[in-house]
Amino acid sequence: MLGALATALGLAYATLWYLAIFSLIPCGVSLIGLVLGLLAFLMLRRARSEASPGLRRVGYSLLVVGGFLFLQLVYLALAPTLRNWEIKRAQAFIHTLIPKLEAYHAQYHTYPSTIEELASADTAYPRLLELTGDYPITYDNRQFYFKRGATYGFKFYVPDGFIGFCYEYCCGAEGTWTVTD
């Protein structure tokens, strides 16, 4: 059982940014697991009535494999939870930059043109803010900060299936987050 949960967690972590496509796999696998589990119960029932140790071994094997496959359904709860955690982590990191931007503005009367002017060399960026790719659209989350006239904003893309979602923070210290697809 622990192996099944670890597999579901590993699959959820590996497919974190492509939930729309990969969430179909655990659904199908879980359905196969359910069918194997039902078949295992029928075999075990028959093995008990016939006192057949060979049939009992096959029944238990099918039950273990079916249970393992059925527990992949846990993926459907884990993957969105992990993904939302990564999004919240990126947003929290961005919110820690706002006081630094405001302090920079107070000192130089302008906002920096790049975030690297504020970040130290050992700044650890959240994983989401390190993503780049060409599918489904070309994006580079490493460029999440932009100067917008007399203020600033943040924007990062979360790939998912054929659409994805764009999280945008606009404008300045009292800004708000919007999500578009």
Protein backbone atom coordinates (compact mmCIF):
# COMPACT_ATOMS: atom_id res chain seq x y z
CA MET A 1 0.00 0.00 0.00
CA LEU A 2 2.84 2.37 0.83
CA GLY A 3 4.39 1.62 -2.57
CA ALA A 4 1.12 2.49 -4.31
CA LEU A 5 0.90 5.80 -2.49
CA ALA A 6 4.56 6.57 -3.22
CA THR A 7 3.96 5.81 -6.91
CA ALA A 8 0.90 8.10 -6.97
CA LEU A 9 2.90 10.86 -5.27
CA GLY A 10 5.79 10.41 -7.72
CA LEU A 11 3.42 10.56 -10.67
CA ALA A 12 1.72 13.65 -9.22
CA TYR A 13 5.07 15.38 -8.76
CA ALA A 14 6.33 14.42 -12.23
CA THR A 15 3.19 15.62 -14.01
CA LEU A 16 2.64 18.68 -11.84
CA TRP A 17 2.38 21.12 -14.74
CA TYR A 18 0.35 18.92 -17.09
CA LEU A 19 -2.61 17.79 -15.01
CA ALA A 20 -5.21 18.05 -17.77
CA ILE A 21 -3.41 15.51 -19.94
CA PHE A 22 -2.00 13.10 -17.35
CA SER A 23 -4.98 12.93 -15.01
CA LEU A 24 -6.65 10.54 -17.47
CA ILE A 25 -3.93 7.92 -16.91
CA PRO A 26 -4.62 7.34 -13.18
CA CYS A 27 -8.36 7.27 -13.88
CA GLY A 28 -7.91 4.47 -16.41
CA VAL A 29 -5.40 2.61 -14.26
CA SER A 30 -7.71 2.85 -11.24
CA LEU A 31 -10.59 1.44 -13.25
CA ILE A 32 -8.40 -1.51 -14.26
CA GLY A 33 -7.43 -1.92 -10.60
CA LEU A 34 -11.08 -1.97 -9.57
CA VAL A 35 -11.87 -4.66 -12.14
CA LEU A 36 -8.86 -6.74 -11.02
CA GLY A 37 -9.90 -6.33 -7.39
CA LEU A 38 -13.42 -7.55 -8.12
CA LEU A 39 -12.01 -10.47 -10.10
CA ALA A 40 -9.68 -11.27 -7.17
CA PHE A 41 -12.60 -11.35 -4.72
CA LEU A 42 -14.50 -13.73 -7.00
CA MET A 43 -11.42 -15.97 -7.29
CA LEU A 44 -10.85 -15.98 -3.55
CA ARG A 45 -14.47 -16.86 -2.93
CA ARG A 46 -14.27 -19.74 -5.38
CA ALA A 47 -10.90 -20.85 -3.93
CA ARG A 48 -12.48 -21.03 -0.47
CA SER A 49 -15.38 -23.17 -1.64
CA GLU A 50 -13.09 -25.51 -3.65
CA ALA A 51 -10.19 -25.42 -1.17
CA SER A 52 -7.76 -24.68 -3.99
CA PRO A 53 -4.41 -23.22 -2.81
CA GLY A 54 -3.32 -22.40 -6.39
CA LEU A 55 -6.46 -20.39 -7.07
CA ARG A 56 -6.04 -18.68 -3.69
CA ARG A 57 -2.47 -17.59 -4.59
CA VAL A 58 -3.66 -16.17 -7.92
CA GLY A 59 -6.55 -14.41 -6.16
CA TYR A 60 -4.26 -12.76 -3.59
CA SER A 61 -1.83 -11.73 -6.34
CA LEU A 62 -4.65 -10.14 -8.32
CA LEU A 63 -5.88 -8.43 -5.17
CA VAL A 64 -2.45 -6.89 -4.50
CA VAL A 65 -2.00 -5.74 -8.11
CA GLY A 66 -5.60 -4.47 -8.30
CA GLY A 67 -5.21 -2.59 -5.01
CA PHE A 68 -1.95 -1.05 -6.18
CA LEU A 69 -3.55 0.13 -9.42
CA PHE A 70 -6.72 1.33 -7.70
CA LEU A 71 -4.72 3.45 -5.25
CA GLN A 72 -3.36 5.46 -8.19
CA LEU A 73 -6.66 7.30 -7.83
CA VAL A 74 -4.91 9.13 -4.97
CA TYR A 75 -3.07 11.00 -7.75
CA LEU A 76 -6.22 12.98 -8.51
CA ALA A 77 -6.11 14.48 -5.03
CA LEU A 78 -2.33 14.83 -4.75
CA ALA A 79 -1.46 16.49 -8.07
CA PRO A 80 -3.75 19.54 -7.79
CA THR A 81 -2.76 19.95 -4.14
CA LEU A 82 0.94 19.94 -5.03
CA ARG A 83 0.32 22.29 -7.93
CA ASN A 84 -1.66 24.76 -5.81
CA TRP A 85 1.09 24.62 -3.20
CA GLU A 86 3.68 25.52 -5.89
CA ILE A 87 1.50 28.42 -7.10
CA LYS A 88 1.06 29.74 -3.54
CA ARG A 89 4.79 29.38 -2.99
CA ALA A 90 5.54 31.47 -6.10
CA GLN A 91 3.01 34.11 -5.06
CA ALA A 92 4.44 34.26 -1.53
CA PHE A 93 7.94 34.69 -2.95
CA ILE A 94 6.71 37.54 -5.12
CA HIS A 95 5.05 39.18 -2.12
CA THR A 96 8.41 39.14 -0.31
CA LEU A 97 9.85 41.18 -3.18
CA ILE A 98 7.29 43.99 -2.91
CA PRO A 99 8.82 45.65 0.20
CA LYS A 100 12.25 45.45 -1.47
CA LEU A 101 10.85 47.09 -4.60
CA GLU A 102 9.24 49.84 -2.54
CA ALA A 103 12.49 50.43 -0.63
CA TYR A 104 14.38 50.60 -3.95
CA HIS A 105 11.80 53.10 -5.24
CA ALA A 106 12.12 55.22 -2.10
CA GLN A 107 15.88 55.38 -2.55
CA TYR A 108 16.17 55.80 -6.36
CA HIS A 109 12.69 57.23 -7.24
CA THR A 110 12.24 54.54 -9.87
CA TYR A 111 11.68 50.81 -9.92
CA PRO A 112 14.46 48.50 -11.07
CA SER A 113 14.33 47.31 -14.66
CA THR A 114 15.08 43.69 -13.62
CA ILE A 115 14.49 41.76 -10.44
CA GLU A 116 18.15 40.67 -10.40
CA GLU A 117 19.01 44.15 -9.13
CA LEU A 118 17.24 43.24 -5.87
CA ALA A 119 17.99 39.55 -5.58
CA SER A 120 21.25 38.26 -4.21
CA ALA A 121 23.27 35.63 -6.05
CA ASP A 122 22.08 32.90 -3.68
CA THR A 123 18.37 33.72 -3.92
CA ALA A 124 16.39 30.49 -4.30
CA TYR A 125 13.49 31.00 -6.67
CA PRO A 126 10.41 28.76 -6.43
CA ARG A 127 10.33 25.96 -8.99
CA LEU A 128 7.42 27.51 -10.86
CA LEU A 129 9.38 30.71 -11.45
CA GLU A 130 12.17 28.69 -13.08
CA LEU A 131 9.96 27.04 -15.72
CA THR A 132 10.37 27.74 -19.42
CA GLY A 133 8.87 25.97 -22.39
CA ASP A 134 7.29 26.03 -25.81
CA TYR A 135 4.17 23.98 -25.15
CA PRO A 136 1.33 24.87 -25.38
CA ILE A 137 2.70 28.39 -25.86
CA THR A 138 6.20 29.79 -25.57
CA TYR A 139 6.78 31.08 -22.04
CA ASP A 140 9.65 31.95 -19.74
CA ASN A 141 8.68 32.32 -16.09
CA ARG A 142 12.21 33.44 -15.23
CA GLN A 143 11.12 36.85 -16.54
CA PHE A 144 8.26 37.11 -14.02
CA TYR A 145 8.92 40.75 -13.05
CA PHE A 146 8.35 43.71 -15.33
CA LYS A 147 8.46 47.44 -14.92
CA ARG A 148 5.16 48.99 -15.99
CA GLY A 149 5.51 52.73 -16.47
CA ALA A 150 5.60 54.34 -13.04
CA THR A 151 4.85 51.04 -11.31
CA TYR A 152 5.58 47.31 -11.69
CA GLY A 153 3.89 43.94 -12.08
CA PHE A 154 4.53 40.21 -11.99
CA LYS A 155 3.38 37.51 -14.35
CA PHE A 156 3.96 33.76 -14.55
CA TYR A 157 2.44 31.00 -16.63
CA VAL A 158 1.26 27.61 -15.36
CA PRO A 159 1.20 25.15 -18.27
CA ASP A 160 -1.64 22.67 -18.30
CA GLY A 161 -2.92 20.70 -21.23
CA PHE A 162 -3.62 22.82 -24.25
CA ILE A 163 -4.45 26.08 -22.51
CA GLY A 164 -2.64 26.75 -19.26
CA PHE A 165 -3.20 29.61 -16.88
CA CYS A 166 -1.48 32.96 -16.47
CA TYR A 167 -1.19 34.50 -13.00
CA GLU A 168 -0.66 38.24 -13.12
CA TYR A 169 -0.09 40.70 -10.30
CA CYS A 170 -0.79 44.28 -11.15
CA CYS A 171 0.18 47.17 -10.22
CA GLY A 172 2.40 48.16 -7.33
CA ALA A 173 2.30 47.54 -3.59
CA GLU A 174 -1.50 47.47 -3.36
CA GLY A 175 -1.96 45.30 -6.44
CA THR A 176 -4.13 42.24 -6.96
CA TRP A 177 -3.75 38.85 -8.60
CA THR A 178 -5.75 37.87 -11.67
CA VAL A 179 -5.87 34.50 -13.38
CA THR A 180 -6.49 34.14 -17.10
CA ASP A 181 -6.35 31.23 -19.50
